[in-house]
């Protein structure tokens, strides 16, 4: 801001020029240069207004980010305006600009701006939001907040389910790692039992073999020392005793022995 123009002078904020009031002022406002600067100023604001209009029936709510603090310049009100509105960790996109466009102050400033700069009357409606449209936006914003809260609860539940899944997978991995060790210890115990059983079985078998009738080790040794004649007699005596298990068998064996003689 500089000094106020003297009486009878006109200061154009778009062109940053001072002109005399009256006919020169009117000539300046309708000049090609002024109208070009006017269109350029409105063109910088209009895309932001159109983007905000798209959220009237479908408000957008999301987590707060650094860009949510962005601002835009309202050429009609000659001041900066917040594009979005944030509360806590949530942000309603374009809510700040919509709130400004629907305010009575902005409507009054638009009327003054259009009259002072001789702007196209057909473009005026593109830079205003009616109170009805703004009420529609507030209802849409309420639904969007409820939907966001529900989706966030669903995300939390999904995260909890994922955590439980990971924990179960970890337990299964640990269990799978412990099972081979348990099987190894079980097999080792079975091998020890089997070895002991085999040793006992072999020992029993050896004892049974020693208890069977037949020439003992001492008899065998004696037979080898006596030589062929005596060893044959001893062998025959042992066979006779083995075959004569009963009294009748002994008589039969003895009869055959007499026949041989």
Protein backbone atom coordinates (compact mmCIF):
# COMPACT_ATOMS: atom_id res chain seq x y z
CA UNK A 1 0.00 0.00 0.00
CA UNK A 2 1.15 3.51 -0.84
CA UNK A 3 -0.40 6.88 -0.28
CA UNK A 4 -4.04 7.36 -1.24
CA UNK A 5 -4.54 9.06 -4.60
CA UNK A 6 -5.37 12.73 -4.54
CA UNK A 7 -8.95 13.82 -5.13
CA UNK A 8 -9.81 13.57 -8.79
CA UNK A 9 -7.25 10.80 -9.38
CA UNK A 10 -7.90 7.09 -9.85
CA UNK A 11 -5.51 4.28 -8.85
CA UNK A 12 -5.85 0.98 -10.80
CA UNK A 13 -4.55 -1.91 -8.66
CA UNK A 14 -4.40 -4.34 -11.60
CA UNK A 15 -2.37 -2.08 -13.83
CA UNK A 16 -0.68 -0.26 -10.95
CA UNK A 17 -1.31 3.05 -12.64
CA UNK A 18 -2.85 6.32 -11.58
CA UNK A 19 -5.15 8.23 -13.89
CA UNK A 20 -7.46 11.17 -13.70
CA UNK A 21 -11.06 10.49 -12.78
CA UNK A 22 -13.82 10.94 -15.26
CA UNK A 23 -13.31 10.19 -18.90
CA UNK A 24 -9.69 9.08 -18.57
CA UNK A 25 -10.63 6.61 -15.88
CA UNK A 26 -13.34 5.18 -18.07
CA UNK A 27 -11.02 5.00 -21.02
CA UNK A 28 -8.44 3.15 -18.97
CA UNK A 29 -10.92 0.59 -17.65
CA UNK A 30 -12.08 -0.29 -21.17
CA UNK A 31 -8.62 -0.23 -22.64
CA UNK A 32 -7.15 -3.41 -24.14
CA UNK A 33 -4.30 -3.43 -21.64
CA UNK A 34 -6.54 -3.24 -18.60
CA UNK A 35 -8.98 -5.84 -19.90
CA UNK A 36 -6.09 -8.20 -20.66
CA UNK A 37 -4.73 -7.86 -17.14
CA UNK A 38 -8.24 -8.35 -15.75
CA UNK A 39 -8.71 -11.59 -17.70
CA UNK A 40 -5.31 -12.86 -16.60
CA UNK A 41 -6.05 -12.17 -12.93
CA UNK A 42 -9.41 -13.94 -13.12
CA UNK A 43 -7.84 -16.83 -15.06
CA UNK A 44 -5.42 -17.47 -12.21
CA UNK A 45 -8.27 -17.75 -9.70
CA UNK A 46 -10.87 -19.56 -11.80
CA UNK A 47 -9.20 -23.05 -11.95
CA UNK A 48 -9.04 -23.11 -8.16
CA UNK A 49 -12.71 -22.13 -7.95
CA UNK A 50 -13.68 -24.84 -10.45
CA UNK A 51 -11.73 -27.47 -8.52
CA UNK A 52 -13.54 -26.42 -5.35
CA UNK A 53 -16.92 -26.61 -7.10
CA UNK A 54 -16.35 -30.28 -7.95
CA UNK A 55 -16.35 -31.14 -4.25
CA UNK A 56 -19.73 -29.52 -3.49
CA UNK A 57 -21.57 -32.85 -3.72
CA UNK A 58 -18.58 -35.07 -3.00
CA UNK A 59 -16.44 -33.63 -0.26
CA UNK A 60 -12.90 -35.00 0.05
CA UNK A 61 -11.43 -35.75 3.48
CA UNK A 62 -7.97 -37.13 4.13
CA UNK A 63 -4.94 -37.04 6.41
CA UNK A 64 -3.29 -33.72 6.97
CA UNK A 65 -0.26 -32.91 4.83
CA UNK A 66 2.11 -29.98 4.46
CA UNK A 67 0.50 -28.81 1.23
CA UNK A 68 -2.81 -28.45 3.03
CA UNK A 69 -1.59 -25.07 4.27
CA UNK A 70 -1.58 -23.75 0.69
CA UNK A 71 -3.21 -20.41 0.01
CA UNK A 72 -4.44 -18.58 -3.04
CA UNK A 73 -4.90 -14.92 -3.88
CA UNK A 74 -8.46 -13.65 -4.23
CA UNK A 75 -8.23 -10.83 -6.71
CA UNK A 76 -11.71 -9.58 -5.83
CA UNK A 77 -11.07 -9.32 -2.07
CA UNK A 78 -7.36 -8.51 -2.52
CA UNK A 79 -6.20 -10.95 0.13
CA UNK A 80 -4.91 -14.46 0.58
CA UNK A 81 -7.37 -17.27 1.27
CA UNK A 82 -6.75 -20.78 2.60
CA UNK A 83 -7.55 -23.47 0.07
CA UNK A 84 -8.25 -26.21 2.61
CA UNK A 85 -9.49 -26.49 6.17
CA UNK A 86 -7.69 -28.71 8.68
CA UNK A 87 -8.63 -29.92 12.12
CA UNK A 88 -6.31 -32.14 14.09
CA UNK A 89 -4.95 -34.79 11.74
CA UNK A 90 -7.73 -34.39 9.13
CA UNK A 91 -8.10 -32.05 6.19
CA UNK A 92 -11.17 -31.16 4.12
CA UNK A 93 -9.86 -30.28 0.70
CA UNK A 94 -11.08 -27.02 -0.90
CA UNK A 95 -13.25 -26.33 2.14
CA UNK A 96 -11.41 -23.10 2.92
CA UNK A 97 -11.94 -21.63 -0.54
CA UNK A 98 -15.59 -22.72 -0.66
CA UNK A 99 -16.20 -21.10 2.71
CA UNK A 100 -14.68 -17.87 1.41
CA UNK A 101 -16.59 -17.90 -1.89
CA UNK A 102 -19.90 -18.33 -0.02
CA UNK A 103 -19.22 -15.58 2.51
CA UNK A 104 -21.18 -12.28 2.36
CA UNK A 105 -17.89 -10.33 2.37
CA UNK A 106 -16.74 -12.05 -0.81
CA UNK A 107 -20.08 -11.49 -2.55
CA UNK A 108 -19.91 -7.78 -1.78
CA UNK A 109 -16.27 -7.60 -2.92
CA UNK A 110 -17.10 -9.35 -6.20
CA UNK A 111 -19.85 -6.83 -6.93
CA UNK A 112 -17.50 -3.94 -6.28
CA UNK A 113 -14.67 -5.50 -8.28
CA UNK A 114 -16.89 -6.13 -11.30
CA UNK A 115 -18.21 -2.60 -11.29
CA UNK A 116 -14.82 -0.94 -10.77
CA UNK A 117 -13.00 -2.94 -13.46
CA UNK A 118 -15.83 -3.20 -15.99
CA UNK A 119 -15.53 -7.00 -16.05
CA UNK A 120 -17.76 -9.22 -18.18
CA UNK A 121 -21.06 -9.70 -16.27
CA UNK A 122 -21.38 -13.24 -17.69
CA UNK A 123 -18.26 -14.32 -15.76
CA UNK A 124 -19.44 -13.09 -12.38
CA UNK A 125 -21.37 -16.26 -11.46
CA UNK A 126 -18.21 -18.39 -11.88
CA UNK A 127 -16.62 -16.72 -8.86
CA UNK A 128 -19.51 -17.01 -6.42
CA UNK A 129 -20.96 -19.89 -4.37
CA UNK A 130 -24.61 -19.64 -3.37
CA UNK A 131 -25.70 -20.33 0.18
CA UNK A 132 -27.73 -23.32 -1.06
CA UNK A 133 -24.66 -24.87 -2.68
CA UNK A 134 -22.63 -24.28 0.44
CA UNK A 135 -25.24 -26.04 2.60
CA UNK A 136 -25.05 -28.94 0.14
CA UNK A 137 -21.29 -29.01 0.64
CA UNK A 138 -21.60 -29.08 4.43
CA UNK A 139 -23.94 -32.08 4.23
CA UNK A 140 -21.52 -33.81 1.87
CA UNK A 141 -18.65 -33.01 4.23
CA UNK A 142 -20.47 -34.67 7.14
CA UNK A 143 -20.93 -37.87 5.11
CA UNK A 144 -17.30 -37.79 4.00
CA UNK A 145 -16.10 -37.50 7.60
CA UNK A 146 -18.24 -40.46 8.66
CA UNK A 147 -17.00 -42.53 5.72
CA UNK A 148 -13.40 -41.65 6.51
CA UNK A 149 -13.79 -42.66 10.14
CA UNK A 150 -15.35 -45.97 9.06
CA UNK A 151 -12.58 -46.61 6.55
CA UNK A 152 -9.94 -45.79 9.16
CA UNK A 153 -11.54 -48.27 11.59
CA UNK A 154 -11.50 -50.87 8.81
CA UNK A 155 -7.84 -50.17 8.14
CA UNK A 156 -7.07 -50.58 11.84
CA UNK A 157 -8.89 -53.92 11.84
CA UNK A 158 -6.98 -55.04 8.76
CA UNK A 159 -3.71 -54.05 10.39
CA UNK A 160 -4.64 -55.99 13.51
CA UNK A 161 -5.52 -59.04 11.40
CA UNK A 162 -2.19 -58.75 9.58
CA UNK A 163 -0.33 -58.55 12.89
CA UNK A 164 -2.11 -61.69 14.11
CA UNK A 165 -1.27 -63.45 10.84
CA UNK A 166 2.40 -62.56 11.14
CA UNK A 167 2.45 -63.72 14.76
CA UNK A 168 0.84 -67.05 13.82
CA UNK A 169 3.35 -67.50 10.99
CA UNK A 170 6.19 -66.82 13.43
CA UNK A 171 4.86 -69.43 15.84
CA UNK A 172 4.59 -71.99 13.03
CA UNK A 173 8.18 -71.31 11.98
CA UNK A 174 9.41 -71.76 15.54
CA UNK A 175 7.38 -74.97 15.92
CA UNK A 176 8.73 -76.32 12.63
CA UNK A 177 12.27 -75.59 13.80
CA UNK A 178 11.73 -77.44 17.11
CA UNK A 179 10.07 -80.59 15.68
CA UNK A 180 13.22 -82.04 13.98
CA UNK A 181 15.16 -81.69 17.24
CA UNK A 182 12.42 -83.54 19.16
CA UNK A 183 12.35 -86.30 16.52
CA UNK A 184 16.14 -86.61 16.71
CA UNK A 185 16.00 -87.01 20.48
CA UNK A 186 13.19 -89.59 20.16
CA UNK A 187 15.13 -91.58 17.57
CA UNK A 188 18.21 -91.53 19.78
CA UNK A 189 16.17 -92.91 22.69
CA UNK A 190 14.67 -95.64 20.49
CA UNK A 191 18.13 -96.62 19.28
CA UNK A 192 19.36 -96.97 22.84
CA UNK A 193 16.37 -99.15 23.76
CA UNK A 194 16.83 -101.25 20.63
CA UNK A 195 20.54 -101.72 21.37
CA UNK A 196 19.80 -102.81 24.92
CA UNK A 197 17.10 -105.20 23.69
CA UNK A 198 19.46 -106.67 21.11
CA UNK A 199 22.20 -107.16 23.67
CA UNK A 200 19.83 -108.89 26.07
CA UNK A 201 18.44 -111.06 23.26
CA UNK A 202 21.91 -112.09 22.10
CA UNK A 203 22.88 -112.93 25.64
CA UNK A 204 19.74 -115.08 26.14
CA UNK A 205 20.39 -116.84 22.86
CA UNK A 206 23.94 -117.61 23.91
CA UNK A 207 22.77 -119.01 27.23
CA UNK A 208 20.21 -121.20 25.47
CA UNK A 209 22.84 -122.51 23.09
CA UNK A 210 25.05 -123.41 26.06
CA UNK A 211 22.21 -125.30 27.76
CA UNK A 212 21.47 -127.57 24.77
CA UNK A 213 22.62 -131.24 25.09
CA UNK A 214 25.73 -132.15 23.20
CA UNK A 215 29.41 -132.49 23.63
CA UNK A 216 30.76 -129.86 25.87
CA UNK A 217 33.90 -127.89 25.20
CA UNK A 218 35.80 -130.13 27.62
CA UNK A 219 34.55 -133.29 25.90
CA UNK A 220 35.57 -131.96 22.54
CA UNK A 221 38.99 -131.09 23.83
CA UNK A 222 39.36 -134.58 25.38
CA UNK A 223 38.32 -136.25 22.17
CA UNK A 224 40.89 -134.33 20.20
CA UNK A 225 43.60 -135.34 22.70
CA UNK A 226 42.77 -139.09 22.66
CA UNK A 227 43.02 -139.46 18.93
CA UNK A 228 40.88 -141.22 16.28
CA UNK A 229 40.12 -144.57 17.95
CA UNK A 230 38.99 -143.17 21.23
CA UNK A 231 37.28 -140.21 19.72
CA UNK A 232 35.07 -142.47 17.60
CA UNK A 233 33.92 -144.40 20.64
CA UNK A 234 33.15 -141.24 22.54
CA UNK A 235 31.18 -139.85 19.63
CA UNK A 236 29.17 -143.08 19.35
CA UNK A 237 28.42 -143.05 23.08
CA UNK A 238 27.21 -139.44 22.83
CA UNK A 239 25.01 -140.19 19.83
CA UNK A 240 23.55 -143.23 21.60
CA UNK A 241 22.72 -141.20 24.68
CA UNK A 242 21.15 -138.50 22.45
CA UNK A 243 18.96 -141.00 20.53
CA UNK A 244 17.90 -143.12 23.59
CA UNK A 245 15.49 -140.56 24.99
CA UNK A 246 13.10 -143.32 26.20
CA UNK A 247 13.48 -146.84 27.47
CA UNK A 248 12.03 -148.30 24.27
CA UNK A 249 14.25 -146.15 22.13
CA UNK A 250 17.26 -147.32 24.12
CA UNK A 251 16.36 -150.97 23.40
CA UNK A 252 15.96 -150.26 19.67
CA UNK A 253 19.21 -148.46 19.51
CA UNK A 254 20.94 -151.19 21.45
CA UNK A 255 19.51 -153.93 19.12
CA UNK A 256 20.80 -152.09 16.09
CA UNK A 257 24.16 -151.67 17.78
CA UNK A 258 24.28 -155.50 18.38
CA UNK A 259 23.38 -156.18 14.76
CA UNK A 260 26.22 -154.00 13.64
CA UNK A 261 28.57 -155.84 15.91
